[in-house]
Protein backbone atom coordinates (compact mmCIF):
# COMPACT_ATOMS: atom_id res chain seq x y z
CA MET A 1 -75.05 -85.81 -12.72
CA LYS A 2 -75.79 -82.91 -14.90
CA ARG A 3 -73.13 -80.44 -15.44
CA ASN A 4 -74.45 -77.02 -15.14
CA ARG A 5 -73.28 -75.83 -18.53
CA TYR A 6 -73.79 -71.57 -17.37
CA ILE A 7 -72.13 -71.93 -14.42
CA GLU A 8 -69.44 -73.56 -16.31
CA LYS A 9 -69.54 -70.46 -18.88
CA SER A 10 -69.60 -67.69 -16.61
CA MET A 11 -66.36 -69.13 -14.53
CA LEU A 12 -64.47 -69.68 -17.94
CA LEU A 13 -65.85 -66.09 -19.01
CA PHE A 14 -64.43 -64.66 -15.56
CA THR A 15 -61.04 -66.12 -15.65
CA CYS A 16 -60.45 -64.53 -18.84
CA LEU A 17 -61.88 -61.93 -17.74
CA THR A 18 -59.36 -61.06 -14.77
CA GLY A 19 -56.57 -62.39 -16.99
CA VAL A 20 -57.37 -59.68 -19.05
CA ILE A 21 -57.52 -57.14 -16.38
CA LEU A 22 -54.17 -58.30 -14.78
CA PHE A 23 -52.57 -58.23 -18.55
CA PHE A 24 -53.11 -55.07 -18.78
CA SER A 25 -52.69 -53.81 -15.21
CA ILE A 26 -49.03 -55.23 -14.63
CA GLY A 27 -48.43 -54.41 -19.00
CA GLY A 28 -49.59 -50.94 -18.70
CA ALA A 29 -47.68 -49.66 -15.64
CA ALA A 30 -44.40 -51.33 -17.27
CA ALA A 31 -45.77 -49.83 -20.49
CA TYR A 32 -46.35 -46.24 -19.05
CA GLU A 33 -42.79 -46.72 -17.05
CA TYR A 34 -41.22 -47.00 -19.94
CA VAL A 35 -42.58 -43.91 -22.00
CA TRP A 36 -43.09 -41.81 -18.56
CA PRO A 37 -40.02 -43.01 -16.34
CA GLU A 38 -39.88 -41.21 -12.88
CA GLU A 39 -37.31 -38.75 -12.56
CA GLU A 40 -34.33 -39.81 -10.51
CA MET A 41 -33.91 -37.64 -7.21
CA LEU A 42 -30.43 -35.90 -6.70
CA PRO A 43 -28.46 -37.37 -3.66
CA ASP A 44 -29.17 -35.06 -0.71
CA GLU A 45 -25.77 -33.42 -0.40
CA ALA A 46 -25.65 -32.32 -4.03
CA GLU A 47 -24.92 -28.76 -5.05
CA ALA A 48 -24.32 -27.43 -9.18
CA GLY A 49 -22.10 -23.96 -9.06
CA GLY A 50 -22.63 -23.23 -5.71
CA VAL A 51 -26.22 -24.37 -6.11
CA ASP A 52 -27.79 -26.09 -3.51
CA ILE A 53 -29.66 -28.85 -5.59
CA GLY A 54 -29.88 -31.95 -3.06
CA GLY A 55 -32.87 -33.98 -3.33
CA MET A 56 -34.19 -32.41 -6.16
CA LYS A 57 -35.81 -34.29 -9.32
CA ARG A 58 -33.47 -33.52 -12.39
CA SER A 59 -36.07 -30.83 -14.30
CA GLU A 60 -36.30 -29.03 -10.66
CA ALA A 61 -32.50 -28.93 -10.28
CA GLU A 62 -31.75 -27.67 -13.86
CA GLU A 63 -34.84 -25.28 -13.03
CA ALA A 64 -33.19 -24.07 -10.14
CA VAL A 65 -29.33 -23.91 -11.72
CA SER A 66 -31.01 -21.75 -14.58
CA ASP A 67 -32.64 -19.28 -11.93
CA ALA A 68 -29.12 -18.64 -10.59
CA TRP A 69 -27.49 -18.46 -13.05
CA GLU A 70 -29.35 -15.38 -14.95
CA ASN A 71 -29.52 -13.75 -11.65
CA TRP A 72 -25.72 -13.94 -11.52
CA GLN A 73 -24.68 -13.50 -14.99
CA GLU A 74 -26.76 -9.94 -15.31
CA ARG A 75 -24.97 -8.69 -12.00
CA SER A 76 -21.46 -10.28 -11.91
CA GLY A 77 -18.73 -11.88 -13.87
CA VAL A 78 -15.20 -13.01 -14.10
CA ALA A 79 -12.81 -10.93 -12.61
CA LEU A 80 -9.11 -11.88 -13.88
CA GLN A 81 -6.37 -10.19 -11.34
CA LEU A 82 -2.25 -9.54 -11.04
CA PHE A 83 -0.72 -7.79 -8.35
CA ASN A 84 -2.74 -4.63 -7.69
CA GLU A 85 -4.80 -5.03 -11.24
CA GLU A 86 -8.24 -6.48 -12.13
CA VAL A 87 -9.63 -7.06 -16.23
CA MET A 88 -13.58 -8.24 -15.62
CA ILE A 89 -14.99 -10.67 -18.41
CA GLU A 90 -18.78 -9.73 -18.10
CA GLY A 91 -20.97 -12.32 -17.26
CA GLU A 92 -23.24 -11.74 -20.33
CA ARG A 93 -19.78 -13.34 -22.36
CA PHE A 94 -20.84 -16.85 -21.09
CA GLU A 95 -23.07 -19.04 -21.11
CA ALA A 96 -24.24 -22.00 -19.14
CA GLU A 97 -24.26 -25.55 -19.75
CA VAL A 98 -26.99 -26.49 -17.09
CA GLU A 99 -28.04 -30.00 -18.27
CA GLU A 100 -24.29 -31.47 -18.15
CA THR A 101 -23.57 -29.63 -14.91
CA VAL A 102 -26.64 -31.29 -13.31
CA GLU A 103 -26.09 -34.75 -14.85
CA GLN A 104 -22.71 -34.91 -13.31
CA ALA A 105 -23.89 -34.19 -10.16
CA PHE A 106 -25.85 -36.81 -10.11
CA THR A 107 -22.19 -38.90 -9.53
CA ASP A 108 -20.41 -36.09 -8.26
CA GLN A 109 -22.43 -34.22 -6.10
CA ASN A 110 -20.49 -30.96 -5.34
CA VAL A 111 -19.58 -29.78 -8.73
CA LEU A 112 -18.61 -26.54 -10.42
CA LEU A 113 -20.83 -25.17 -13.03
CA GLN A 114 -19.69 -25.71 -17.14
CA VAL A 115 -20.03 -22.21 -19.14
CA SER A 116 -18.90 -21.83 -22.76
CA TRP A 117 -18.29 -18.72 -24.16
CA THR A 118 -21.45 -17.30 -26.56
CA ASP A 119 -18.28 -15.69 -28.63
CA GLU A 120 -15.74 -18.16 -29.68
CA GLY A 121 -13.81 -14.90 -30.44
CA ASN A 122 -10.79 -13.71 -28.78
CA VAL A 123 -12.22 -12.78 -25.33
CA LEU A 124 -9.29 -13.96 -23.09
CA PRO A 125 -6.25 -12.74 -25.26
CA GLU A 126 -8.83 -9.38 -25.03
CA ALA A 127 -8.84 -9.19 -21.67
CA LEU A 128 -5.32 -10.22 -21.13
CA ASP A 129 -4.34 -7.30 -23.07
CA ARG A 130 -6.74 -4.66 -20.98
CA PHE A 131 -3.31 -5.18 -18.31
CA THR A 132 -0.76 -2.59 -18.38
CA TYR A 133 1.49 -5.35 -17.87
CA GLU A 134 3.67 -6.16 -21.19
CA ASN A 135 2.83 -9.00 -23.32
CA LEU A 136 1.19 -11.39 -20.93
CA ARG A 137 -0.53 -13.26 -23.90
CA ASP A 138 3.05 -14.60 -24.24
CA ARG A 139 3.87 -15.54 -20.71
CA VAL A 140 0.34 -16.97 -19.74
CA ASP A 141 -1.02 -20.81 -20.45
CA MET A 142 -3.87 -19.84 -22.18
CA THR A 143 -5.08 -23.34 -22.94
CA ALA A 144 -5.08 -23.98 -18.88
CA LEU A 145 -6.33 -20.63 -18.23
CA ASN A 146 -9.45 -21.08 -20.51
CA GLU A 147 -10.48 -24.55 -18.71
CA GLN A 148 -10.26 -22.22 -15.23
CA VAL A 149 -12.52 -20.02 -16.64
CA THR A 150 -15.31 -21.76 -18.00
CA MET A 151 -15.54 -23.93 -14.53
CA ILE A 152 -17.31 -21.33 -12.53
CA GLY A 153 -17.18 -22.37 -8.48
CA ASN A 154 -20.26 -20.35 -6.71
CA ILE A 155 -23.35 -18.39 -8.83
CA SER A 156 -25.58 -18.23 -5.78
CA GLY A 157 -24.78 -15.22 -4.51
CA GLN A 158 -23.49 -11.83 -6.65
CA LYS A 159 -20.00 -12.30 -5.23
CA LYS A 160 -17.38 -12.37 -8.76
CA ALA A 161 -15.52 -15.26 -10.15
CA ALA A 162 -11.86 -14.17 -9.38
CA GLN A 163 -9.13 -15.90 -10.71
CA ASP A 164 -5.77 -14.99 -9.94
CA ILE A 165 -3.58 -15.34 -13.64
CA ARG A 166 0.05 -15.71 -12.02
CA SER A 167 -0.72 -19.71 -11.26
CA PHE A 168 -1.10 -19.58 -15.64
CA PHE A 169 2.39 -18.30 -16.43
CA ILE A 170 4.76 -20.78 -18.53
CA GLU A 171 7.44 -22.18 -17.10
CA GLU A 172 9.82 -20.38 -19.08
CA MET A 173 8.34 -16.98 -17.64
CA PRO A 174 7.33 -17.85 -14.22
CA LEU A 175 6.36 -15.29 -11.70
CA GLU A 176 8.57 -16.63 -8.68
CA THR A 177 8.78 -15.52 -5.54
CA THR A 178 11.95 -13.64 -4.41
CA THR A 179 13.64 -10.93 -2.08
CA PHE A 180 13.94 -7.60 -3.46
CA ASN A 181 14.54 -4.52 -2.68
CA ASN A 182 17.13 -4.31 -0.60
CA VAL A 183 18.12 -0.95 1.88
CA THR A 184 21.21 -0.91 4.22
CA LEU A 185 21.09 2.05 6.12
CA THR A 186 24.37 2.83 8.74
CA PRO A 187 22.24 4.90 11.31
CA ASP A 188 24.61 6.30 14.16
CA VAL A 189 22.32 5.72 17.24
CA PRO A 190 22.85 4.96 20.65
CA GLY A 191 20.85 2.05 22.38
CA THR A 192 19.61 -1.40 21.77
CA GLY A 193 15.98 -0.65 20.62
CA LEU A 194 16.71 -0.63 17.00
CA LYS A 195 18.16 -4.51 17.17
CA ASP A 196 15.02 -5.45 19.04
CA TRP A 197 12.71 -3.35 16.80
CA ALA A 198 14.27 -5.34 13.82
CA ASP A 199 13.67 -8.68 15.11
CA ALA A 200 10.09 -7.89 15.76
CA LEU A 201 9.55 -6.39 12.11
CA ASP A 202 11.35 -9.57 10.61
CA GLY A 203 9.22 -12.20 9.20
CA TYR A 204 6.07 -10.05 9.81
CA GLU A 205 3.55 -10.95 6.86
CA MET A 206 1.91 -8.15 5.32
CA GLU A 207 -1.42 -9.56 3.71
CA GLY A 208 -2.92 -8.82 0.25
CA GLY A 209 -5.32 -5.69 0.70
CA SER A 210 -4.11 -5.07 4.38
CA ILE A 211 -3.40 -1.72 5.74
CA PHE A 212 1.02 -2.24 7.32
CA SER A 213 1.64 0.14 10.01
CA LEU A 214 5.06 -0.01 11.86
CA LEU A 215 4.03 0.88 15.18
CA LYS A 216 1.41 -2.28 14.87
CA ALA A 217 3.63 -4.37 13.40
CA LEU A 218 6.10 -4.08 16.07
CA GLU A 219 3.62 -4.22 19.03
CA GLU A 220 2.67 -7.53 17.10
CA GLY A 221 6.43 -8.57 17.19
CA GLY A 222 6.10 -8.27 21.06
CA SER A 223 8.25 -5.31 20.86
CA THR A 224 8.32 -2.54 23.42
CA VAL A 225 8.30 0.60 21.55
CA TYR A 226 9.19 3.59 22.45
CA ASN A 227 10.49 7.41 20.97
CA ASP A 228 13.95 6.97 19.68
CA PRO A 229 16.31 7.85 17.00
CA GLY A 230 16.80 4.29 16.12
CA LEU A 231 13.26 4.45 15.71
CA ASP A 232 13.21 7.10 13.15
CA ALA A 233 16.18 5.42 11.40
CA LEU A 234 14.04 1.87 11.37
CA ALA A 235 11.06 4.15 9.97
CA SER A 236 13.43 5.60 7.02
CA GLY A 237 14.50 2.29 5.59
CA VAL A 238 10.81 1.24 5.61
CA PHE A 239 10.17 3.99 3.93
CA GLN A 240 12.76 3.47 1.23
CA VAL A 241 11.81 0.16 0.72
CA LEU A 242 8.24 0.39 0.54
CA ALA A 243 8.30 4.10 -1.42
CA VAL A 244 9.71 1.58 -4.62
CA THR A 245 6.60 -0.79 -4.68
CA ASN A 246 3.18 -0.04 -5.72
CA PHE A 247 1.99 0.08 -1.95
CA GLU A 248 0.32 3.06 -1.21
CA MET A 249 1.04 5.60 1.83
CA SER A 250 -1.34 6.69 3.77
CA GLU A 251 0.86 8.01 6.67
CA ARG A 252 4.37 9.90 7.26
CA HIS A 253 6.39 12.07 8.93
CA ILE A 254 9.62 13.37 8.90
CA ASN A 255 12.12 14.94 11.32
CA GLU A 256 12.93 18.79 12.05
CA GLU A 257 16.28 18.25 11.03
CA LEU A 258 17.41 15.68 8.31
CA PRO A 259 19.18 12.84 9.63
CA SER A 260 22.95 12.05 8.35
CA TYR A 261 21.89 8.50 6.95
CA ALA A 262 19.12 9.86 4.92
CA ALA A 263 18.85 12.18 1.83
CA PRO A 264 16.05 14.76 1.41
CA GLY A 265 12.55 12.85 0.39
CA GLU A 266 14.05 9.54 2.41
CA ASP A 267 13.17 10.08 5.84
CA ALA A 268 10.45 9.32 8.06
CA HIS A 269 9.39 9.65 11.44
CA ILE A 270 7.61 8.06 13.98
CA GLU A 271 6.17 9.59 17.51
CA VAL A 272 4.83 7.22 19.84
CA PRO A 273 1.23 6.95 19.48
CA ASP A 274 0.45 9.80 17.58
CA ARG A 275 2.75 9.64 14.48
CA ASP A 276 3.10 6.36 12.42
CA LEU A 277 4.37 4.62 9.17
CA MET A 278 1.33 3.64 7.51
CA PHE A 279 0.89 2.07 4.09
CA HIS A 280 -1.64 -0.01 1.82
CA ASN A 281 -0.82 -3.37 0.32
CA PRO A 282 -3.45 -3.00 -2.56
CA ASN A 283 -1.83 -6.59 -4.32
CA ILE A 284 -3.61 -9.91 -4.13
CA TYR A 285 -0.73 -11.36 -2.72
CA SER A 286 1.37 -11.20 0.89
CA TYR A 287 4.98 -10.09 1.47
CA ARG A 288 7.39 -10.78 4.17
CA TRP A 289 9.87 -8.40 5.79
CA ASN A 290 13.21 -9.39 6.18
CA ALA A 291 15.04 -7.14 8.80
CA SER A 292 18.39 -7.32 10.65
CA TRP A 293 21.02 -5.06 13.10
CA ASN A 294 24.49 -6.24 13.44
CA GLY A 295 25.43 -3.08 15.42
CA SER A 296 26.36 -0.83 12.54
CA GLU A 297 24.27 -1.42 9.85
CA LEU A 298 20.38 -1.99 9.52
CA SER A 299 19.55 -4.51 6.32
CA LEU A 300 15.97 -4.57 5.48
CA SER A 301 13.98 -6.19 2.05
CA LEU A 302 11.07 -7.84 0.95
CA SER A 303 10.11 -11.41 -0.05
CA GLY A 304 7.43 -12.05 -2.37
CA PRO A 305 6.22 -12.14 -6.15
CA GLU A 306 8.74 -9.49 -7.79
CA PHE A 307 6.31 -6.65 -9.49
CA LEU A 308 6.57 -6.70 -13.14
CA HIS A 309 6.87 -2.72 -13.79
CA SER A 310 9.80 -1.10 -12.41
CA TYR A 311 10.00 1.49 -9.45
CA GLU A 312 12.00 4.37 -8.21
CA LEU A 313 11.97 7.19 -5.83
CA GLU A 314 13.03 10.13 -7.31
CA ARG A 315 14.10 13.48 -5.47
CA ARG A 316 12.94 16.33 -7.66
CA LYS A 317 13.48 20.35 -7.17
CA GLU A 318 16.08 19.61 -4.69
CA GLU A 319 17.40 22.78 -3.28
CA THR A 320 19.94 23.67 -0.19
CA LEU A 321 18.32 26.47 1.78
CA GLU A 322 20.96 28.60 2.95
CA PRO A 323 21.07 30.26 6.54
CA ARG A 324 20.43 33.91 7.10
CA THR A 325 22.99 35.53 9.79
CA VAL A 326 20.76 37.36 12.73
CA VAL A 327 22.76 39.75 14.67
CA ARG A 328 21.73 40.94 17.81
CA VAL A 329 23.11 44.03 19.54
CA ASP A 330 24.45 44.68 23.39
CA GLU A 331 24.59 48.26 24.48
CA ASN A 332 27.51 46.30 27.46
CA ARG A 333 29.60 44.65 24.77
CA THR A 334 33.06 46.56 23.78
CA THR A 335 32.36 49.06 20.84
CA GLY A 336 33.32 47.17 17.92
CA GLY A 337 32.80 43.99 19.36
CA ARG A 338 31.35 41.16 17.78
CA ARG A 339 30.92 37.16 18.81
CA THR A 340 29.21 34.49 17.03
CA LEU A 341 27.15 32.67 19.26
CA ARG A 342 25.72 29.73 16.89
CA GLU A 343 26.74 28.75 13.40
CA GLY A 344 24.07 28.35 11.05
CA GLU A 345 23.24 25.12 9.22
CA ASN A 346 21.97 24.72 5.95
CA GLY A 347 17.96 23.68 5.40
CA TYR A 348 16.64 21.43 2.43
CA TYR A 349 14.02 20.90 0.09
CA ALA A 350 12.81 18.20 -1.98
CA GLU A 351 9.82 16.49 -3.47
CA ALA A 352 10.20 12.64 -2.93
CA VAL A 353 8.21 11.21 -6.80
CA ARG A 354 7.73 7.81 -7.20
CA VAL A 355 7.86 6.45 -11.20
CA VAL A 356 6.54 3.51 -12.88
CA ALA A 357 7.61 2.33 -16.02
CA ASN A 358 7.06 -0.69 -17.68
CA ALA A 359 8.89 -3.61 -19.20
CA ASP A 360 9.60 -1.27 -22.34
CA ALA A 361 10.80 1.77 -19.98
CA ASN A 362 7.83 3.94 -20.83
CA VAL A 363 6.54 6.28 -18.04
CA LEU A 364 3.20 4.60 -16.88
CA GLN A 365 2.70 6.96 -13.69
CA GLU A 366 4.23 9.18 -11.61
CA THR A 367 3.14 9.88 -8.06
CA VAL A 368 4.63 12.61 -5.20
CA LEU A 369 4.97 11.08 -1.92
CA GLY A 370 5.79 13.66 -0.07
CA ARG A 371 7.37 17.32 -0.35
CA ASP A 372 10.00 17.19 2.23
CA TYR A 373 10.99 20.80 3.85
CA TYR A 374 14.08 21.13 6.17
CA PRO A 375 14.24 24.38 7.74
CA PRO A 376 17.84 26.15 8.14
CA GLU A 377 18.92 26.72 11.08
CA GLN A 378 20.08 30.33 11.45
CA ARG A 379 23.77 32.22 12.00
CA ILE A 380 23.34 34.23 15.35
CA VAL A 381 25.67 37.09 15.84
CA GLU A 382 26.08 39.48 18.73
CA LYS A 383 27.86 42.71 18.36
CA SER A 384 27.99 46.14 19.96
CA LEU A 385 25.38 48.66 19.88
CA GLN A 386 28.19 51.58 18.43
CA THR A 387 30.63 50.86 15.63
CA SER A 388 34.09 51.86 16.12
CA ASP A 389 34.32 54.26 13.42
CA GLU A 390 31.53 56.28 15.55
CA SER A 391 33.38 56.23 19.53
CA GLY A 392 36.90 55.97 17.87
CA SER A 393 39.64 53.37 18.20
CA SER A 394 38.23 51.04 20.84
CA PRO A 395 39.55 47.81 20.11
CA PRO A 396 37.23 45.10 19.35
CA ASP A 397 36.31 41.97 21.48
CA ILE A 398 38.12 38.94 20.79
CA GLU A 399 35.30 36.24 19.41
CA PRO A 400 35.89 33.41 21.77
CA PRO A 401 36.52 29.66 20.33
CA GLU A 402 33.32 27.79 19.18
CA SER A 403 31.88 25.35 21.74
CA SER A 404 30.92 21.80 21.21
CA GLY A 405 27.03 22.86 21.68
CA GLY A 406 27.42 25.71 18.95
CA VAL A 407 27.22 28.19 21.58
CA SER A 408 30.22 30.00 22.77
CA SER A 409 30.65 32.22 26.05
CA GLY A 410 32.70 35.28 26.73
CA ASN A 411 34.21 36.32 29.99
CA SER A 412 32.68 33.37 31.87
CA GLU A 413 29.54 34.45 30.64
CA GLU A 414 26.64 32.45 29.44
CA ALA A 415 25.26 33.29 25.89
CA PRO A 416 21.75 34.11 25.67
CA GLU A 417 19.94 31.31 24.68
CA GLU A 418 18.19 31.15 21.18
CA ASN A 419 14.62 31.42 22.37
CA GLY A 420 15.08 33.66 25.81
CA GLY A 421 14.27 36.94 27.13
CA ASP A 422 12.56 39.65 25.24
CA SER A 423 12.96 40.88 21.78
CA GLY A 424 13.24 44.05 19.95
CA ALA A 425 14.16 47.36 21.17
CA SER A 426 13.28 51.21 19.92
CA ASP A 427 16.91 52.31 20.27
CA SER A 428 17.97 49.35 17.42
CA PRO A 429 20.51 50.73 15.13
CA ASP A 430 19.62 51.49 11.08
CA SER A 431 20.54 48.27 8.62
CA SER A 432 22.93 50.51 7.29
CA GLN A 433 25.05 50.08 10.03
CA LEU A 434 25.22 46.15 9.58
CA GLU A 435 28.13 45.26 8.71
CA ASN A 436 27.39 41.77 6.49
CA ALA A 437 24.78 41.43 3.84
CA GLY A 438 21.63 39.58 4.60
CA GLU A 439 22.06 40.00 8.52
CA THR A 440 19.13 40.72 10.63
CA GLU A 441 19.37 42.83 13.53
CA GLU A 442 18.23 42.25 17.04
CA SER A 443 18.85 44.87 20.32
CA GLY A 444 19.43 43.89 23.90
CA SER A 445 21.19 40.96 25.29
CA GLY A 446 18.69 38.29 24.45
CA GLY A 447 15.52 37.84 22.26
CA GLU A 448 13.22 35.32 20.92
CA ASP A 449 14.68 34.08 17.19
CA THR A 450 11.63 34.65 14.85
CA SER A 451 14.46 34.09 12.15
CA ASP A 452 13.46 29.99 11.79
CA THR A 453 9.48 31.42 11.15
CA GLU A 454 10.23 33.85 9.03
CA ASN A 455 12.68 31.90 6.85
CA ARG A 456 9.76 29.43 6.72
CA LYS A 457 7.16 31.74 5.80
CA ASP A 458 9.79 33.21 3.43
CA PHE A 459 9.74 29.55 1.50
CA ASN A 460 6.46 28.63 1.76
CA GLU A 461 5.08 31.78 0.15
CA ARG A 462 7.55 31.26 -2.55
CA MET A 463 6.51 27.50 -2.78
CA LYS A 464 2.84 29.12 -2.85
CA GLN A 465 3.67 31.23 -6.36
CA ASN A 466 4.98 28.14 -8.11
CA ASP A 467 1.64 25.96 -6.85
CA GLN A 468 3.73 23.97 -4.87
CA PRO A 469 2.02 23.48 -1.10
CA ILE A 470 4.40 22.09 1.27
CA LYS A 471 3.52 18.66 3.07
CA GLY A 472 5.56 16.95 5.55
CA TYR A 473 6.68 19.57 7.86
CA GLU A 474 4.02 20.62 10.86
């Protein structure tokens, strides 16, 4: 049979062409993948510096992280914090290592953003020097702090990256939690409420940045709070503890009379529910109360990071205000007669000043926490309308002994109350007839005692002249 060479050649050519096409198809695809490989896809849960890059290609992820970094860098930074102080390192002092961060996200999925300094100078040491605390460079592990600062957790928003440098204090100079500011009071108060309130306060946590209210703390401790001298004693102790910290006082009241367990400038008064004792904790740390009452002593203290500055409460411009003598005249009293209805008591004034000093005893700040004024209680004397010189030798009344209540009575008649009856009369004797210097004369068997008000006005007027407004007396 004769072979068809044309057909054979055609088949051979077709086979060769098919082989060539297959070769270039397979080889070309392989060559394309070799020269331009397809981008990997990140895991679905991947995040870099708080930016969601899950399921993105590498280039897409790098672009997303770069955009977020630029926004964060313009508006935020890294805040170094210690107690109530904060030093900002601006975002422009850093540059992001985007490619390295995205590469790490392929294996670790949720990663911090790696950054480096735009200026490798003394950025961290200079930032530490901006705190008011002395020798922080010597107390802080600079290498460990640098490693932490150059790893930023979240740039997805405008929030600053905060870093507490307390955790980087070296072992030789740690900032430990301790108990400090011990205050002991011995108030002579009746009742058992003080023990319940001390137990309620014991262990109470004052969180960083929170407002501390003594009334709220006692209520949260499960105690029933009511007006009582023991509550004022507890408030005074709490004030004395917090006065020597950096806590910021927002509300304080004082008693009308200075209690025996406190000096001027150390007193606090609470009146349920309107008057409270309140402080703001400006620190990033929490502090816990320690409180106990053993029946005679009230003990208070704080537990937490001890302050690096020293805080003292000084009493300045202390003044003892002597009482005036108020003379009341009674036309029914025996000529020349005289008796003391009430012995006066001294008043007091003092400024409570918080003094802050650093480790080198240099004063950094002084803050007036209160200008405490306790008006004196005036001495009240009752005498006859006429003196013995005007009417002969009539014998004077015998002054009876003082009663336990501070007001005495004669001939079984009760002495007039301080704020009872009418005041003033048209037939009062001239002031030249008064027997004692500094006495103020009133007529009638009673009368409103305006001397406390007058004394308060005189004192306030004097303080205004000295440009010293009064606080704490209402």
